[in-house]
Amino acid sequence: MVLGPPGVGKTPLVVALALAAIPARASVYFITVQAWVADRRQAWQENRFAQRLAVYTRPKLLGIDEVGYLALDRVEANLLFRVVSARYETGRRALPSHKGFSEWGAGCGDPVLATAILDRLLHHATLLTMWGESYRLKDKKRAGTWGGPPAGPGGPSAPPVSPA
């Protein structure tokens, strides 16, 4: 798992790992969590979940990007659990996320389910934490045109955050 704030390079790092695995003849599947959820839901509704599950359990490396950006409902979180559980002890996973582990309960709609997902994801995992400013916003910050996220709807910008 790769954790850190938006814009620090989590996704490019995971893509680089995936690209490095390909010449070593490792099968790789990389997908955004939004596309993954849409595929899982459709397979569930069409009663072909078991067949589609093989798409996500067969590759040596499964990358699911943008985990945490959109909350999963209970059904989606259950589908994620089923894939993580099916891959447990059998395949590598790479999940970039900007959410800390304590926030996964709200993002999955159920703290117990989130704990079960994290339990399987983190066992035997290498955890990378990235820090820094967003590479997409660094020029705006230097120019003084970006002070941070708005304080609220229509509110002023927050002061820049200095590294601790």
N, C-alpha and C. Protein backbone atom coordinates (compact mmCIF):
# COMPACT_ATOMS: atom_id res chain seq x y z
N MET A 1 0.84 -1.17 0.00
CA MET A 1 0.00 0.00 0.00
C MET A 1 0.89 1.23 0.00
N VAL A 2 0.42 2.24 -0.69
CA VAL A 2 1.12 3.51 -0.76
C VAL A 2 0.17 4.57 -0.26
N LEU A 3 0.53 5.22 0.84
CA LEU A 3 -0.32 6.23 1.45
C LEU A 3 0.33 7.60 1.35
N GLY A 4 -0.49 8.62 1.26
CA GLY A 4 0.00 9.99 1.25
C GLY A 4 -1.05 10.93 0.72
N PRO A 5 -0.80 12.23 0.86
CA PRO A 5 -1.77 13.21 0.39
C PRO A 5 -1.85 13.23 -1.14
N PRO A 6 -2.89 13.84 -1.68
CA PRO A 6 -3.01 13.93 -3.15
C PRO A 6 -1.83 14.67 -3.76
N GLY A 7 -1.39 14.19 -4.91
CA GLY A 7 -0.39 14.90 -5.69
C GLY A 7 1.06 14.63 -5.36
N VAL A 8 1.36 13.63 -4.51
CA VAL A 8 2.75 13.37 -4.15
C VAL A 8 3.40 12.27 -4.98
N GLY A 9 2.64 11.63 -5.87
CA GLY A 9 3.22 10.63 -6.77
C GLY A 9 2.93 9.19 -6.42
N LYS A 10 1.87 8.93 -5.68
CA LYS A 10 1.54 7.55 -5.32
C LYS A 10 1.21 6.72 -6.56
N THR A 11 0.33 7.23 -7.39
CA THR A 11 -0.06 6.48 -8.59
C THR A 11 1.11 6.26 -9.54
N PRO A 12 1.91 7.29 -9.86
CA PRO A 12 3.06 7.03 -10.73
C PRO A 12 4.02 5.98 -10.16
N LEU A 13 4.17 5.94 -8.84
CA LEU A 13 5.03 4.93 -8.23
C LEU A 13 4.46 3.54 -8.46
N VAL A 14 3.16 3.36 -8.27
CA VAL A 14 2.54 2.06 -8.46
C VAL A 14 2.58 1.66 -9.94
N VAL A 15 2.36 2.61 -10.83
CA VAL A 15 2.45 2.32 -12.26
C VAL A 15 3.86 1.89 -12.62
N ALA A 16 4.87 2.55 -12.05
CA ALA A 16 6.27 2.18 -12.31
C ALA A 16 6.55 0.76 -11.80
N LEU A 17 6.03 0.42 -10.63
CA LEU A 17 6.20 -0.94 -10.12
C LEU A 17 5.55 -1.96 -11.05
N ALA A 18 4.36 -1.63 -11.54
CA ALA A 18 3.66 -2.53 -12.46
C ALA A 18 4.45 -2.70 -13.76
N LEU A 19 4.95 -1.59 -14.29
CA LEU A 19 5.72 -1.66 -15.54
C LEU A 19 7.02 -2.43 -15.34
N ALA A 20 7.62 -2.33 -14.16
CA ALA A 20 8.84 -3.09 -13.89
C ALA A 20 8.56 -4.58 -13.76
N ALA A 21 7.35 -4.95 -13.36
CA ALA A 21 7.00 -6.36 -13.19
C ALA A 21 6.75 -7.05 -14.53
N ILE A 22 6.34 -6.29 -15.52
CA ILE A 22 5.97 -6.89 -16.81
C ILE A 22 7.16 -7.56 -17.51
N PRO A 23 8.34 -6.93 -17.61
CA PRO A 23 9.46 -7.63 -18.26
C PRO A 23 9.88 -8.91 -17.52
N ALA A 24 9.56 -8.99 -16.23
CA ALA A 24 9.87 -10.20 -15.47
C ALA A 24 8.77 -11.26 -15.67
N ARG A 25 7.91 -11.02 -16.65
CA ARG A 25 6.82 -11.94 -17.01
C ARG A 25 5.77 -12.10 -15.92
N ALA A 26 5.62 -11.06 -15.11
CA ALA A 26 4.56 -11.07 -14.10
C ALA A 26 3.31 -10.45 -14.72
N SER A 27 2.19 -11.10 -14.55
CA SER A 27 0.94 -10.55 -15.07
C SER A 27 0.48 -9.42 -14.14
N VAL A 28 -0.05 -8.37 -14.76
CA VAL A 28 -0.43 -7.16 -14.02
C VAL A 28 -1.81 -6.71 -14.49
N TYR A 29 -2.63 -6.28 -13.54
CA TYR A 29 -3.91 -5.66 -13.87
C TYR A 29 -4.02 -4.41 -13.02
N PHE A 30 -4.24 -3.27 -13.67
CA PHE A 30 -4.30 -1.98 -12.98
C PHE A 30 -5.60 -1.31 -13.36
N ILE A 31 -6.36 -0.84 -12.35
CA ILE A 31 -7.68 -0.27 -12.59
C ILE A 31 -7.97 0.76 -11.50
N THR A 32 -8.79 1.75 -11.81
CA THR A 32 -9.23 2.67 -10.76
C THR A 32 -10.32 2.00 -9.95
N VAL A 33 -10.47 2.43 -8.71
CA VAL A 33 -11.51 1.84 -7.87
C VAL A 33 -12.90 2.12 -8.44
N GLN A 34 -13.08 3.27 -9.09
CA GLN A 34 -14.38 3.58 -9.68
C GLN A 34 -14.73 2.61 -10.81
N ALA A 35 -13.77 2.33 -11.69
CA ALA A 35 -14.01 1.37 -12.77
C ALA A 35 -14.18 -0.04 -12.21
N TRP A 36 -13.40 -0.34 -11.19
CA TRP A 36 -13.49 -1.65 -10.56
C TRP A 36 -14.88 -1.86 -9.94
N VAL A 37 -15.37 -0.84 -9.22
CA VAL A 37 -16.69 -0.94 -8.59
C VAL A 37 -17.78 -1.12 -9.65
N ALA A 38 -17.70 -0.35 -10.73
CA ALA A 38 -18.70 -0.47 -11.80
C ALA A 38 -18.69 -1.88 -12.39
N ASP A 39 -17.49 -2.43 -12.61
CA ASP A 39 -17.38 -3.78 -13.16
C ASP A 39 -17.92 -4.81 -12.18
N ARG A 40 -17.57 -4.69 -10.90
CA ARG A 40 -18.03 -5.64 -9.88
C ARG A 40 -19.54 -5.59 -9.74
N ARG A 41 -20.09 -4.39 -9.71
CA ARG A 41 -21.56 -4.25 -9.58
C ARG A 41 -22.28 -4.89 -10.75
N GLN A 42 -21.78 -4.62 -11.96
CA GLN A 42 -22.42 -5.19 -13.15
C GLN A 42 -22.33 -6.71 -13.12
N ALA A 43 -21.18 -7.24 -12.77
CA ALA A 43 -21.02 -8.70 -12.69
C ALA A 43 -21.95 -9.29 -11.63
N TRP A 44 -22.10 -8.60 -10.50
CA TRP A 44 -22.98 -9.07 -9.43
C TRP A 44 -24.44 -9.09 -9.91
N GLN A 45 -24.86 -7.99 -10.59
CA GLN A 45 -26.23 -7.89 -11.07
C GLN A 45 -26.53 -8.91 -12.17
N GLU A 46 -25.52 -9.25 -12.96
CA GLU A 46 -25.70 -10.21 -14.05
C GLU A 46 -25.40 -11.65 -13.61
N ASN A 47 -25.17 -11.83 -12.31
CA ASN A 47 -24.90 -13.15 -11.75
C ASN A 47 -23.67 -13.81 -12.38
N ARG A 48 -22.64 -13.00 -12.66
CA ARG A 48 -21.38 -13.54 -13.19
C ARG A 48 -20.20 -13.11 -12.33
N PHE A 49 -20.47 -12.89 -11.05
CA PHE A 49 -19.42 -12.44 -10.14
C PHE A 49 -18.25 -13.42 -10.08
N ALA A 50 -18.55 -14.71 -9.99
CA ALA A 50 -17.49 -15.73 -9.88
C ALA A 50 -16.59 -15.72 -11.11
N GLN A 51 -17.19 -15.57 -12.31
CA GLN A 51 -16.36 -15.54 -13.52
C GLN A 51 -15.49 -14.29 -13.56
N ARG A 52 -16.04 -13.15 -13.20
CA ARG A 52 -15.28 -11.89 -13.22
C ARG A 52 -14.25 -11.84 -12.11
N LEU A 53 -14.48 -12.58 -11.03
CA LEU A 53 -13.53 -12.60 -9.93
C LEU A 53 -12.16 -13.08 -10.41
N ALA A 54 -12.15 -14.00 -11.35
CA ALA A 54 -10.89 -14.53 -11.89
C ALA A 54 -10.05 -13.43 -12.53
N VAL A 55 -10.69 -12.42 -13.11
CA VAL A 55 -9.96 -11.31 -13.73
C VAL A 55 -9.09 -10.62 -12.69
N TYR A 56 -9.56 -10.57 -11.45
CA TYR A 56 -8.85 -9.85 -10.39
C TYR A 56 -8.02 -10.75 -9.50
N THR A 57 -8.20 -12.05 -9.58
CA THR A 57 -7.40 -12.96 -8.77
C THR A 57 -6.27 -13.61 -9.55
N ARG A 58 -6.36 -13.64 -10.86
CA ARG A 58 -5.36 -14.30 -11.69
C ARG A 58 -4.03 -13.56 -11.78
N PRO A 59 -4.00 -12.23 -11.95
CA PRO A 59 -2.71 -11.55 -12.13
C PRO A 59 -1.82 -11.64 -10.89
N LYS A 60 -0.52 -11.65 -11.12
CA LYS A 60 0.43 -11.66 -10.01
C LYS A 60 0.36 -10.36 -9.23
N LEU A 61 0.08 -9.24 -9.92
CA LEU A 61 -0.02 -7.93 -9.27
C LEU A 61 -1.33 -7.27 -9.67
N LEU A 62 -2.11 -6.90 -8.68
CA LEU A 62 -3.36 -6.18 -8.90
C LEU A 62 -3.19 -4.78 -8.32
N GLY A 63 -3.35 -3.77 -9.16
CA GLY A 63 -3.31 -2.39 -8.70
C GLY A 63 -4.70 -1.79 -8.76
N ILE A 64 -5.17 -1.28 -7.64
CA ILE A 64 -6.47 -0.59 -7.60
C ILE A 64 -6.18 0.82 -7.15
N ASP A 65 -6.36 1.77 -8.06
CA ASP A 65 -5.99 3.16 -7.83
C ASP A 65 -7.16 3.97 -7.29
N GLU A 66 -6.83 5.08 -6.65
CA GLU A 66 -7.79 6.06 -6.15
C GLU A 66 -8.67 5.53 -5.03
N VAL A 67 -8.15 4.58 -4.25
CA VAL A 67 -8.89 4.05 -3.10
C VAL A 67 -9.04 5.17 -2.08
N GLY A 68 -10.26 5.43 -1.68
CA GLY A 68 -10.52 6.45 -0.67
C GLY A 68 -11.06 7.75 -1.21
N TYR A 69 -10.95 7.99 -2.51
CA TYR A 69 -11.46 9.24 -3.05
C TYR A 69 -12.98 9.30 -3.02
N LEU A 70 -13.61 8.19 -3.30
CA LEU A 70 -15.06 8.10 -3.23
C LEU A 70 -15.43 7.03 -2.22
N ALA A 71 -16.41 7.33 -1.40
CA ALA A 71 -16.86 6.35 -0.41
C ALA A 71 -17.54 5.18 -1.12
N LEU A 72 -17.32 4.00 -0.58
CA LEU A 72 -17.98 2.81 -1.09
C LEU A 72 -19.23 2.56 -0.25
N ASP A 73 -20.30 2.12 -0.89
CA ASP A 73 -21.46 1.74 -0.09
C ASP A 73 -21.20 0.32 0.44
N ARG A 74 -22.13 -0.17 1.22
CA ARG A 74 -21.94 -1.48 1.88
C ARG A 74 -21.74 -2.61 0.87
N VAL A 75 -22.52 -2.62 -0.21
CA VAL A 75 -22.38 -3.67 -1.22
C VAL A 75 -21.01 -3.59 -1.89
N GLU A 76 -20.59 -2.38 -2.26
CA GLU A 76 -19.29 -2.20 -2.92
C GLU A 76 -18.15 -2.61 -1.99
N ALA A 77 -18.26 -2.25 -0.72
CA ALA A 77 -17.23 -2.62 0.26
C ALA A 77 -17.19 -4.15 0.43
N ASN A 78 -18.35 -4.79 0.42
CA ASN A 78 -18.39 -6.25 0.49
C ASN A 78 -17.74 -6.89 -0.72
N LEU A 79 -17.96 -6.31 -1.90
CA LEU A 79 -17.33 -6.84 -3.12
C LEU A 79 -15.81 -6.66 -3.05
N LEU A 80 -15.36 -5.52 -2.52
CA LEU A 80 -13.92 -5.31 -2.35
C LEU A 80 -13.36 -6.34 -1.37
N PHE A 81 -14.05 -6.58 -0.29
CA PHE A 81 -13.61 -7.59 0.67
C PHE A 81 -13.47 -8.95 0.00
N ARG A 82 -14.42 -9.31 -0.84
CA ARG A 82 -14.38 -10.63 -1.49
C ARG A 82 -13.15 -10.77 -2.38
N VAL A 83 -12.80 -9.71 -3.09
CA VAL A 83 -11.61 -9.77 -3.95
C VAL A 83 -10.34 -9.81 -3.10
N VAL A 84 -10.27 -8.94 -2.10
CA VAL A 84 -9.09 -8.91 -1.23
C VAL A 84 -8.94 -10.27 -0.54
N SER A 85 -10.04 -10.82 -0.07
CA SER A 85 -10.00 -12.11 0.59
C SER A 85 -9.58 -13.23 -0.37
N ALA A 86 -10.07 -13.19 -1.60
CA ALA A 86 -9.70 -14.20 -2.59
C ALA A 86 -8.23 -14.11 -2.96
N ARG A 87 -7.65 -12.91 -2.92
CA ARG A 87 -6.24 -12.73 -3.25
C ARG A 87 -5.32 -12.90 -2.05
N TYR A 88 -5.89 -12.97 -0.87
CA TYR A 88 -5.10 -13.06 0.35
C TYR A 88 -4.17 -14.26 0.29
N GLU A 89 -2.90 -14.04 0.55
CA GLU A 89 -1.85 -15.06 0.55
C GLU A 89 -1.53 -15.61 -0.85
N THR A 90 -2.19 -15.11 -1.90
CA THR A 90 -1.92 -15.68 -3.22
C THR A 90 -1.41 -14.66 -4.23
N GLY A 91 -1.65 -13.38 -4.03
CA GLY A 91 -1.24 -12.40 -5.03
C GLY A 91 -0.87 -11.08 -4.39
N ARG A 92 -0.05 -10.33 -5.10
CA ARG A 92 0.38 -9.02 -4.64
C ARG A 92 -0.67 -7.98 -5.00
N ARG A 93 -0.77 -6.96 -4.13
CA ARG A 93 -1.70 -5.87 -4.36
C ARG A 93 -0.94 -4.56 -4.20
N ALA A 94 -1.31 -3.59 -4.99
CA ALA A 94 -0.76 -2.24 -4.86
C ALA A 94 -1.93 -1.27 -4.86
N LEU A 95 -2.12 -0.62 -3.75
CA LEU A 95 -3.25 0.30 -3.61
C LEU A 95 -2.76 1.65 -3.13
N PRO A 96 -2.75 2.64 -4.00
CA PRO A 96 -2.46 4.00 -3.53
C PRO A 96 -3.71 4.58 -2.88
N SER A 97 -3.54 5.26 -1.75
CA SER A 97 -4.68 5.85 -1.06
C SER A 97 -4.23 7.09 -0.30
N HIS A 98 -5.09 8.08 -0.26
CA HIS A 98 -4.80 9.27 0.53
C HIS A 98 -5.48 9.22 1.89
N LYS A 99 -6.19 8.15 2.16
CA LYS A 99 -6.90 8.00 3.42
C LYS A 99 -6.06 7.21 4.42
N GLY A 100 -6.01 7.69 5.65
CA GLY A 100 -5.39 6.93 6.72
C GLY A 100 -6.27 5.76 7.10
N PHE A 101 -5.69 4.77 7.75
CA PHE A 101 -6.45 3.56 8.08
C PHE A 101 -7.65 3.85 8.96
N SER A 102 -7.54 4.83 9.84
CA SER A 102 -8.67 5.16 10.73
C SER A 102 -9.86 5.72 9.95
N GLU A 103 -9.64 6.17 8.72
CA GLU A 103 -10.71 6.74 7.90
C GLU A 103 -11.40 5.71 7.00
N TRP A 104 -10.86 4.50 6.94
CA TRP A 104 -11.42 3.50 6.05
C TRP A 104 -12.80 3.03 6.49
N GLY A 105 -13.09 3.05 7.77
CA GLY A 105 -14.41 2.63 8.25
C GLY A 105 -15.52 3.47 7.65
N ALA A 106 -15.32 4.79 7.65
CA ALA A 106 -16.32 5.69 7.06
C ALA A 106 -16.38 5.49 5.54
N GLY A 107 -15.23 5.27 4.91
CA GLY A 107 -15.19 5.10 3.45
C GLY A 107 -15.79 3.80 2.98
N CYS A 108 -15.84 2.80 3.87
CA CYS A 108 -16.44 1.50 3.53
C CYS A 108 -17.84 1.36 4.08
N GLY A 109 -18.30 2.33 4.84
CA GLY A 109 -19.63 2.27 5.39
C GLY A 109 -19.78 1.32 6.57
N ASP A 110 -18.67 0.70 6.99
CA ASP A 110 -18.73 -0.24 8.10
C ASP A 110 -17.32 -0.42 8.66
N PRO A 111 -17.07 0.02 9.89
CA PRO A 111 -15.73 -0.11 10.47
C PRO A 111 -15.25 -1.55 10.60
N VAL A 112 -16.14 -2.48 10.89
CA VAL A 112 -15.74 -3.88 11.02
C VAL A 112 -15.30 -4.44 9.68
N LEU A 113 -16.05 -4.14 8.63
CA LEU A 113 -15.69 -4.58 7.29
C LEU A 113 -14.37 -3.95 6.85
N ALA A 114 -14.20 -2.67 7.14
CA ALA A 114 -12.94 -1.99 6.80
C ALA A 114 -11.77 -2.64 7.51
N THR A 115 -11.96 -3.00 8.77
CA THR A 115 -10.90 -3.66 9.53
C THR A 115 -10.55 -5.01 8.91
N ALA A 116 -11.56 -5.75 8.47
CA ALA A 116 -11.32 -7.05 7.84
C ALA A 116 -10.56 -6.89 6.52
N ILE A 117 -10.90 -5.86 5.75
CA ILE A 117 -10.20 -5.59 4.49
C ILE A 117 -8.75 -5.23 4.79
N LEU A 118 -8.55 -4.29 5.72
CA LEU A 118 -7.19 -3.85 6.06
C LEU A 118 -6.36 -4.99 6.66
N ASP A 119 -7.00 -5.83 7.46
CA ASP A 119 -6.30 -6.97 8.06
C ASP A 119 -5.65 -7.83 6.99
N ARG A 120 -6.38 -8.09 5.91
CA ARG A 120 -5.86 -8.93 4.83
C ARG A 120 -4.90 -8.17 3.92
N LEU A 121 -5.18 -6.88 3.70
CA LEU A 121 -4.30 -6.09 2.86
C LEU A 121 -2.94 -5.88 3.50
N LEU A 122 -2.91 -5.65 4.80
CA LEU A 122 -1.67 -5.26 5.46
C LEU A 122 -0.82 -6.44 5.93
N HIS A 123 -1.43 -7.62 6.07
CA HIS A 123 -0.64 -8.78 6.47
C HIS A 123 0.35 -9.09 5.36
N HIS A 124 1.59 -9.18 5.66
CA HIS A 124 2.69 -9.41 4.70
C HIS A 124 2.92 -8.23 3.76
N ALA A 125 2.33 -7.07 4.04
CA ALA A 125 2.43 -5.94 3.11
C ALA A 125 3.66 -5.08 3.41
N THR A 126 4.10 -4.41 2.39
CA THR A 126 5.07 -3.33 2.55
C THR A 126 4.27 -2.05 2.45
N LEU A 127 4.42 -1.21 3.44
CA LEU A 127 3.67 0.04 3.50
C LEU A 127 4.61 1.19 3.20
N LEU A 128 4.27 1.96 2.19
CA LEU A 128 5.04 3.15 1.83
C LEU A 128 4.20 4.37 2.15
N THR A 129 4.78 5.32 2.86
CA THR A 129 4.09 6.56 3.15
C THR A 129 4.86 7.69 2.49
N MET A 130 4.16 8.47 1.69
CA MET A 130 4.79 9.57 0.96
C MET A 130 4.30 10.89 1.54
N TRP A 131 5.19 11.84 1.65
CA TRP A 131 4.86 13.16 2.16
C TRP A 131 5.36 14.21 1.20
N GLY A 132 4.79 15.35 1.27
CA GLY A 132 5.25 16.46 0.44
C GLY A 132 4.07 17.24 -0.09
N GLU A 133 4.43 18.25 -0.87
CA GLU A 133 3.41 19.08 -1.49
C GLU A 133 2.97 18.46 -2.81
N SER A 134 1.78 18.78 -3.22
CA SER A 134 1.26 18.30 -4.49
C SER A 134 2.10 18.85 -5.63
N TYR A 135 2.57 17.96 -6.49
CA TYR A 135 3.34 18.42 -7.63
C TYR A 135 2.46 19.21 -8.60
N ARG A 136 1.15 18.98 -8.56
CA ARG A 136 0.24 19.72 -9.44
C ARG A 136 0.01 21.14 -8.95
N LEU A 137 0.16 21.38 -7.63
CA LEU A 137 -0.13 22.70 -7.08
C LEU A 137 1.12 23.49 -6.70
N LYS A 138 2.31 22.89 -6.82
CA LYS A 138 3.52 23.55 -6.33
C LYS A 138 3.78 24.89 -7.00
N ASP A 139 3.55 24.99 -8.30
CA ASP A 139 3.78 26.26 -8.99
C ASP A 139 2.77 27.32 -8.55
N LYS A 140 1.54 26.93 -8.31
CA LYS A 140 0.52 27.87 -7.83
C LYS A 140 0.88 28.38 -6.44
N LYS A 141 1.39 27.50 -5.60
CA LYS A 141 1.79 27.90 -4.25
C LYS A 141 2.96 28.88 -4.30
N ARG A 142 3.94 28.59 -5.17
CA ARG A 142 5.10 29.49 -5.30
C ARG A 142 4.68 30.86 -5.80
N ALA A 143 3.69 30.90 -6.67
CA ALA A 143 3.21 32.17 -7.22
C ALA A 143 2.28 32.89 -6.26
N GLY A 144 1.90 32.22 -5.17
CA GLY A 144 1.01 32.84 -4.19
C GLY A 144 -0.44 32.86 -4.59
N THR A 145 -0.81 32.04 -5.59
CA THR A 145 -2.21 32.02 -6.04
C THR A 145 -2.99 30.87 -5.42
N TRP A 146 -2.34 30.05 -4.59
CA TRP A 146 -3.02 28.94 -3.93
C TRP A 146 -2.61 28.94 -2.47
N GLY A 147 -3.60 29.05 -1.60
CA GLY A 147 -3.31 29.05 -0.18
C GLY A 147 -3.78 27.80 0.51
N GLY A 148 -4.43 26.92 -0.18
CA GLY A 148 -4.94 25.70 0.42
C GLY A 148 -6.41 25.53 0.11
N PRO A 149 -7.02 24.49 0.64
CA PRO A 149 -8.43 24.25 0.35
C PRO A 149 -9.30 25.31 1.02
N PRO A 150 -10.46 25.61 0.44
CA PRO A 150 -11.36 26.59 1.05
C PRO A 150 -11.78 26.16 2.44
N ALA A 151 -12.01 27.14 3.31
CA ALA A 151 -12.42 26.86 4.68
C ALA A 151 -13.84 26.32 4.72
N GLY A 152 -14.64 26.65 3.77
CA GLY A 152 -16.02 26.18 3.70
C GLY A 152 -16.64 26.71 2.43
N PRO A 153 -17.90 26.41 2.17
CA PRO A 153 -18.53 26.88 0.94
C PRO A 153 -18.47 28.41 0.86
N GLY A 154 -17.78 28.90 -0.13
CA GLY A 154 -17.67 30.34 -0.34
C GLY A 154 -16.75 31.03 0.64
N GLY A 155 -16.08 30.28 1.50
CA GLY A 155 -15.21 30.87 2.52
C GLY A 155 -13.83 31.16 1.99
N PRO A 156 -13.03 31.86 2.78
CA PRO A 156 -11.69 32.19 2.35
C PRO A 156 -10.79 30.95 2.35
N SER A 157 -9.68 31.05 1.65
CA SER A 157 -8.73 29.97 1.61
C SER A 157 -7.99 29.87 2.93
N ALA A 158 -7.62 28.65 3.30
CA ALA A 158 -6.83 28.45 4.50
C ALA A 158 -5.40 28.88 4.25
N PRO A 159 -4.67 29.26 5.27
CA PRO A 159 -3.27 29.63 5.07
C PRO A 159 -2.45 28.43 4.61
N PRO A 160 -1.35 28.69 3.92
CA PRO A 160 -0.52 27.56 3.48
C PRO A 160 -0.03 26.76 4.68
N VAL A 161 0.09 25.47 4.47
CA VAL A 161 0.57 24.57 5.53
C VAL A 161 2.06 24.40 5.34
N SER A 162 2.82 24.70 6.38
CA SER A 162 4.27 24.51 6.28
C SER A 162 4.61 23.13 6.80
N PRO A 163 5.64 22.50 6.21
CA PRO A 163 6.01 21.15 6.66
C PRO A 163 6.50 21.17 8.11
N ALA A 164 6.17 20.15 8.85
CA ALA A 164 6.57 20.08 10.26
C ALA A 164 7.96 19.52 10.40
